[in-house]
Amino acid sequence: MQTAKLGPVTVSRFLLGGNPFSGFAHQGPERNREFTRYYTTARIKEALGKAEGAGITGFIGRIDRHIMRLLMEYWDEGGKLLWIAQTASDSGDTEACVNLAHANGALGCYVHGGVMDHLVWTGKTDEVRRGVDLMKKKGLAAGVAGHTTRVFEWAEKNLDTDFYMCCHYNPSPREDAPEYQPGRSESYREEDRQAMTKLIATLGKPVIHYKILAAGRNNPEEAFAFAGKVMRPQDLVCVGVYLKEDPDMIARDAELFAKHVHP
C-alpha cells in the first residue's frame, strides 16, 4: 500500500473512515439507525482487522466515548491501525477534543468539517487557531476539514496545519448550525466536486479527499477513477464502508484504489 506523510505521521494513502461505525450514513434517519444496529463493537473490530489485511494503516474516527473505548479494546487485542481523530462537539470544544485525542492514543487530529464550515462562515475562528496550536504542541498531526472551498482559502492564509480534509461535496450547508442533522436533505452536486478538486490542486498541504463516493451514491469505479485523476502524490483518500451489504467491500475498495491512484 502506498504511504504518505501527515506532519510527523506516516500512514497509508487509503484510510478507513469511521462515519458508518458511528451511525452517520448520510442517507436519512432510518439508514442511520440501520448502521448503528449493525455496527456492534465486535463488527467494528472485524472491519478494522479487514482494513489491516488490505494494507491500510490509518483509521479516521470521532473523539467520543464509543470510539475511544472500542479502540482501547482493539489495541489491547493487538490491533495496529493508527488513529486520526475528528473533533466532536459532544465531547467538548476543540481544545477539549484535542486533549482527549492525545490522551487516548491518537497520532493526528483535525477540526470537524461542519464546525469549520460554520466557524469560518461566522468569523468565529479563534477557536480553530487555538485548537491547531494545541495539536502542534501535543505533537499530533494537525489538520482541519471542510465541505466548502471557503474553509481552505481561509486556512491557507491563517493556519499552519499539517494537512487538510477536503470533502468532494457540500451536502448540507452549515451556516446556521455546525452539526450534522439526520433529517435534513442532502445534495451531492457535480459542480461542488469540480470546485473543490480544482482548489485542491492549488493547496500547499497534503489533502485527505473524503466523501468521494457521495455517501454511497456514486459508482465505486467512477469515484476512484475520478479521485485518481485529481489526487496529487502527497494526497490521501478516506472511505467508509458498510460490510453488511458487502463483507469484502474493504478489499474491493483497496483494489480500486490500487488500480486508479498512482504514486
Protein backbone atom coordinates (compact mmCIF):
# COMPACT_ATOMS: atom_id res chain seq x y z
CA MET A 1 0.00 0.00 0.00
CA GLN A 2 1.28 3.47 -0.91
CA THR A 3 2.06 5.75 2.03
CA ALA A 4 2.07 9.50 2.66
CA LYS A 5 3.13 11.82 5.46
CA LEU A 6 0.82 13.95 7.57
CA GLY A 7 3.31 16.02 9.50
CA PRO A 8 5.07 13.59 11.86
CA VAL A 9 2.85 10.63 10.92
CA THR A 10 3.30 8.21 8.02
CA VAL A 11 0.14 6.35 7.00
CA SER A 12 -1.29 4.50 4.03
CA ARG A 13 -2.76 6.74 1.34
CA PHE A 14 -6.03 4.83 1.74
CA LEU A 15 -7.61 5.50 5.14
CA LEU A 16 -10.62 3.77 6.65
CA GLY A 17 -13.40 6.21 7.55
CA GLY A 18 -15.38 5.87 10.77
CA ASN A 19 -18.65 7.65 9.96
CA PRO A 20 -20.59 4.40 9.37
CA PHE A 21 -19.36 2.99 12.71
CA SER A 22 -20.88 5.98 14.49
CA GLY A 23 -24.20 5.75 12.67
CA PHE A 24 -23.65 8.53 10.15
CA ALA A 25 -24.90 7.06 6.88
CA HIS A 26 -25.84 10.38 5.24
CA GLN A 27 -28.78 8.55 3.69
CA GLY A 28 -31.58 9.50 6.10
CA PRO A 29 -32.52 8.73 9.73
CA GLU A 30 -33.66 5.13 9.14
CA ARG A 31 -30.41 4.29 7.40
CA ASN A 32 -28.51 5.84 10.32
CA ARG A 33 -30.34 3.51 12.71
CA GLU A 34 -29.59 0.54 10.46
CA PHE A 35 -25.86 1.33 10.52
CA THR A 36 -25.91 1.78 14.30
CA ARG A 37 -27.64 -1.57 14.85
CA TYR A 38 -25.28 -3.41 12.56
CA TYR A 39 -22.01 -1.96 13.78
CA THR A 40 -21.56 -3.59 17.15
CA THR A 41 -18.13 -3.35 18.76
CA ALA A 42 -17.31 -6.84 17.52
CA ARG A 43 -18.23 -5.97 13.93
CA ILE A 44 -16.27 -2.72 14.02
CA LYS A 45 -13.20 -4.56 15.27
CA GLU A 46 -13.71 -7.09 12.49
CA ALA A 47 -13.77 -4.24 9.96
CA LEU A 48 -10.60 -2.75 11.42
CA GLY A 49 -8.94 -6.14 11.08
CA LYS A 50 -10.02 -6.41 7.44
CA ALA A 51 -8.55 -2.97 6.82
CA GLU A 52 -5.22 -4.12 8.24
CA GLY A 53 -5.39 -7.17 5.99
CA ALA A 54 -5.84 -4.92 2.96
CA GLY A 55 -2.69 -2.95 3.83
CA ILE A 56 -4.48 0.06 5.35
CA THR A 57 -2.62 1.57 8.33
CA GLY A 58 -4.82 4.52 9.33
CA PHE A 59 -8.34 4.99 10.71
CA ILE A 60 -10.32 8.23 10.98
CA GLY A 61 -12.87 8.29 13.79
CA ARG A 62 -14.68 10.68 16.12
CA ILE A 63 -13.41 11.70 19.54
CA ASP A 64 -16.29 10.21 21.51
CA ARG A 65 -16.61 7.64 24.29
CA HIS A 66 -17.76 4.93 21.89
CA ILE A 67 -14.81 5.20 19.51
CA MET A 68 -12.21 5.73 22.25
CA ARG A 69 -13.47 2.69 24.19
CA LEU A 70 -13.52 0.35 21.21
CA LEU A 71 -10.08 1.50 20.04
CA MET A 72 -8.66 0.78 23.50
CA GLU A 73 -10.07 -2.74 23.28
CA TYR A 74 -8.88 -3.16 19.68
CA TRP A 75 -5.32 -2.06 20.52
CA ASP A 76 -5.23 -4.19 23.69
CA GLU A 77 -6.05 -7.17 21.47
CA GLY A 78 -3.14 -6.40 19.15
CA GLY A 79 -4.71 -4.06 16.60
CA LYS A 80 -2.27 -1.84 14.72
CA LEU A 81 -4.23 0.87 12.89
CA LEU A 82 -3.18 4.43 13.68
CA TRP A 83 -5.95 6.79 14.78
CA ILE A 84 -6.51 10.22 13.24
CA ALA A 85 -9.15 11.82 15.44
CA GLN A 86 -12.04 14.04 14.38
CA THR A 87 -13.23 16.59 16.90
CA ALA A 88 -16.79 16.02 18.13
CA SER A 89 -18.87 18.74 19.75
CA ASP A 90 -20.50 16.29 22.17
CA SER A 91 -17.04 15.79 23.71
CA GLY A 92 -16.39 19.50 24.25
CA ASP A 93 -14.85 22.39 22.36
CA THR A 94 -11.90 21.98 20.02
CA GLU A 95 -9.22 22.23 22.72
CA ALA A 96 -11.02 19.68 24.93
CA CYS A 97 -11.21 17.31 21.96
CA VAL A 98 -7.51 17.72 21.21
CA ASN A 99 -6.62 16.88 24.80
CA LEU A 100 -8.85 13.78 24.67
CA ALA A 101 -7.31 12.69 21.36
CA HIS A 102 -3.79 12.99 22.72
CA ALA A 103 -4.63 11.24 25.99
CA ASN A 104 -6.33 8.33 24.21
CA GLY A 105 -3.73 7.37 21.65
CA ALA A 106 -4.44 9.45 18.55
CA LEU A 107 -1.47 10.42 16.39
CA GLY A 108 -3.36 13.07 14.46
CA CYS A 109 -6.36 15.33 14.92
CA TYR A 110 -8.46 17.69 12.84
CA VAL A 111 -11.34 20.09 13.35
CA HIS A 112 -14.66 18.61 12.16
CA GLY A 113 -15.71 19.80 8.71
CA GLY A 114 -19.15 21.06 9.70
CA VAL A 115 -17.65 23.01 12.59
CA MET A 116 -15.06 24.55 10.27
CA ASP A 117 -17.73 25.49 7.72
CA HIS A 118 -19.72 27.22 10.46
CA LEU A 119 -16.84 28.98 12.23
CA VAL A 120 -15.34 30.33 9.02
CA TRP A 121 -18.76 31.47 7.78
CA THR A 122 -19.49 33.28 11.06
CA GLY A 123 -15.96 34.61 11.50
CA LYS A 124 -15.50 32.88 14.87
CA THR A 125 -12.13 31.36 14.03
CA ASP A 126 -10.16 31.97 17.23
CA GLU A 127 -11.22 28.51 18.47
CA VAL A 128 -9.70 26.97 15.35
CA ARG A 129 -6.37 28.77 15.79
CA ARG A 130 -6.13 27.69 19.43
CA GLY A 131 -7.04 24.13 18.55
CA VAL A 132 -4.46 23.78 15.79
CA ASP A 133 -1.80 25.35 18.00
CA LEU A 134 -2.60 22.81 20.72
CA MET A 135 -2.44 19.91 18.25
CA LYS A 136 1.06 21.03 17.28
CA LYS A 137 2.08 21.47 20.92
CA LYS A 138 0.91 17.92 21.69
CA GLY A 139 2.89 16.52 18.76
CA LEU A 140 -0.18 15.50 16.77
CA ALA A 141 -0.51 15.75 13.02
CA ALA A 142 -2.74 18.84 12.82
CA GLY A 143 -5.50 19.47 10.33
CA VAL A 144 -8.85 20.99 9.51
CA ALA A 145 -11.71 19.60 7.43
CA GLY A 146 -14.41 21.29 5.42
CA HIS A 147 -17.11 20.96 2.80
CA THR A 148 -16.60 24.35 1.16
CA THR A 149 -13.71 25.96 -0.67
CA ARG A 150 -14.07 28.97 1.64
CA VAL A 151 -12.62 26.94 4.53
CA PHE A 152 -9.38 26.15 2.78
CA GLU A 153 -8.95 29.55 1.21
CA TRP A 154 -9.08 30.92 4.76
CA ALA A 155 -6.84 28.18 6.19
CA GLU A 156 -4.12 28.76 3.60
CA LYS A 157 -3.83 32.36 4.79
CA ASN A 158 -4.28 31.88 8.52
CA LEU A 159 -3.21 28.44 9.76
CA ASP A 160 -0.07 26.31 9.94
CA THR A 161 -1.55 22.82 9.60
CA ASP A 162 -0.01 19.53 8.50
CA PHE A 163 -2.96 18.52 6.32
CA TYR A 164 -6.45 19.33 5.13
CA MET A 165 -9.51 17.09 4.81
CA CYS A 166 -11.43 18.24 1.76
CA CYS A 167 -14.91 16.91 1.07
CA HIS A 168 -15.69 16.38 -2.59
CA TYR A 169 -19.24 17.59 -1.91
CA ASN A 170 -21.14 20.11 0.22
CA PRO A 171 -24.22 18.02 1.08
CA SER A 172 -25.90 20.38 3.54
CA PRO A 173 -24.72 23.94 4.28
CA ARG A 174 -23.69 24.57 7.89
CA GLU A 175 -24.05 28.34 8.10
CA ASP A 176 -26.82 28.10 10.71
CA ALA A 177 -25.53 25.15 12.73
CA PRO A 178 -22.27 23.17 12.60
CA GLU A 179 -23.62 19.72 13.40
CA TYR A 180 -24.93 17.07 11.03
CA GLN A 181 -28.74 16.98 11.12
CA PRO A 182 -30.00 13.48 10.22
CA GLY A 183 -33.39 14.54 8.88
CA ARG A 184 -32.06 17.28 6.63
CA SER A 185 -31.99 16.60 2.89
CA GLU A 186 -28.58 16.36 1.28
CA SER A 187 -27.42 17.27 -2.22
CA TYR A 188 -24.34 15.89 -3.97
CA ARG A 189 -23.68 18.24 -6.85
CA GLU A 190 -21.05 17.76 -9.54
CA GLU A 191 -20.30 21.49 -9.52
CA ASP A 192 -19.26 21.23 -5.87
CA ARG A 193 -16.93 18.32 -6.64
CA GLN A 194 -15.36 20.23 -9.51
CA ALA A 195 -14.89 23.40 -7.44
CA MET A 196 -13.29 21.56 -4.52
CA THR A 197 -10.92 19.47 -6.60
CA LYS A 198 -9.88 22.50 -8.64
CA LEU A 199 -8.95 24.27 -5.40
CA ILE A 200 -7.11 21.20 -4.04
CA ALA A 201 -4.64 21.47 -6.93
CA THR A 202 -3.53 24.85 -5.51
CA LEU A 203 -3.27 23.98 -1.80
CA GLY A 204 0.06 23.90 -0.01
CA LYS A 205 -0.66 20.94 2.30
CA PRO A 206 -1.40 17.24 1.78
CA VAL A 207 -5.13 16.66 1.37
CA ILE A 208 -7.27 13.77 2.57
CA HIS A 209 -10.09 13.51 0.00
CA TYR A 210 -13.35 12.35 1.59
CA LYS A 211 -16.91 11.52 0.57
CA ILE A 212 -15.55 10.59 -2.84
CA LEU A 213 -18.42 8.08 -3.08
CA ALA A 214 -21.02 10.71 -2.17
CA ALA A 215 -22.06 8.61 0.85
CA GLY A 216 -22.76 5.55 -1.30
CA ARG A 217 -24.40 7.38 -4.19
CA ASN A 218 -21.51 7.20 -6.67
CA ASN A 219 -20.40 4.16 -8.61
CA PRO A 220 -17.19 2.99 -6.87
CA GLU A 221 -15.27 2.52 -10.11
CA GLU A 222 -16.10 6.05 -11.24
CA ALA A 223 -15.40 7.54 -7.82
CA PHE A 224 -11.93 6.03 -7.51
CA ALA A 225 -11.12 6.80 -11.15
CA PHE A 226 -12.06 10.45 -10.57
CA ALA A 227 -10.04 10.55 -7.34
CA GLY A 228 -7.05 9.09 -9.11
CA LYS A 229 -7.13 11.94 -11.63
CA VAL A 230 -7.28 14.74 -9.06
CA MET A 231 -5.15 13.37 -6.21
CA ARG A 232 -1.58 14.64 -6.02
CA PRO A 233 1.27 12.30 -4.92
CA GLN A 234 1.08 13.68 -1.35
CA ASP A 235 -2.70 13.24 -1.09
CA LEU A 236 -4.77 10.53 0.59
CA VAL A 237 -8.33 9.26 0.47
CA CYS A 238 -10.74 8.34 3.29
CA VAL A 239 -13.57 5.89 2.63
CA GLY A 240 -16.20 4.44 4.97
CA VAL A 241 -17.79 1.04 4.43
CA TYR A 242 -20.97 -0.87 5.23
CA LEU A 243 -19.95 -4.51 5.42
CA LYS A 244 -23.48 -5.83 5.90
CA GLU A 245 -24.08 -5.19 2.20
CA ASP A 246 -20.69 -6.47 1.06
CA PRO A 247 -18.36 -8.25 3.50
CA ASP A 248 -15.49 -7.79 1.02
CA MET A 249 -16.08 -4.06 0.48
CA ILE A 250 -12.77 -3.00 2.07
CA ALA A 251 -10.73 -5.35 -0.12
CA ARG A 252 -12.67 -4.28 -3.23
CA ASP A 253 -12.17 -0.59 -2.48
CA ALA A 254 -8.45 -1.17 -1.83
CA GLU A 255 -8.20 -2.85 -5.22
CA LEU A 256 -9.92 0.10 -6.89
CA PHE A 257 -7.55 2.46 -5.12
CA ALA A 258 -4.52 0.49 -6.34
CA LYS A 259 -5.94 0.43 -9.87
CA HIS A 260 -6.68 4.13 -10.18
CA VAL A 261 -4.44 6.02 -7.71
CA HIS A 262 -0.78 6.06 -8.62
CA PRO A 263 2.29 7.49 -6.84
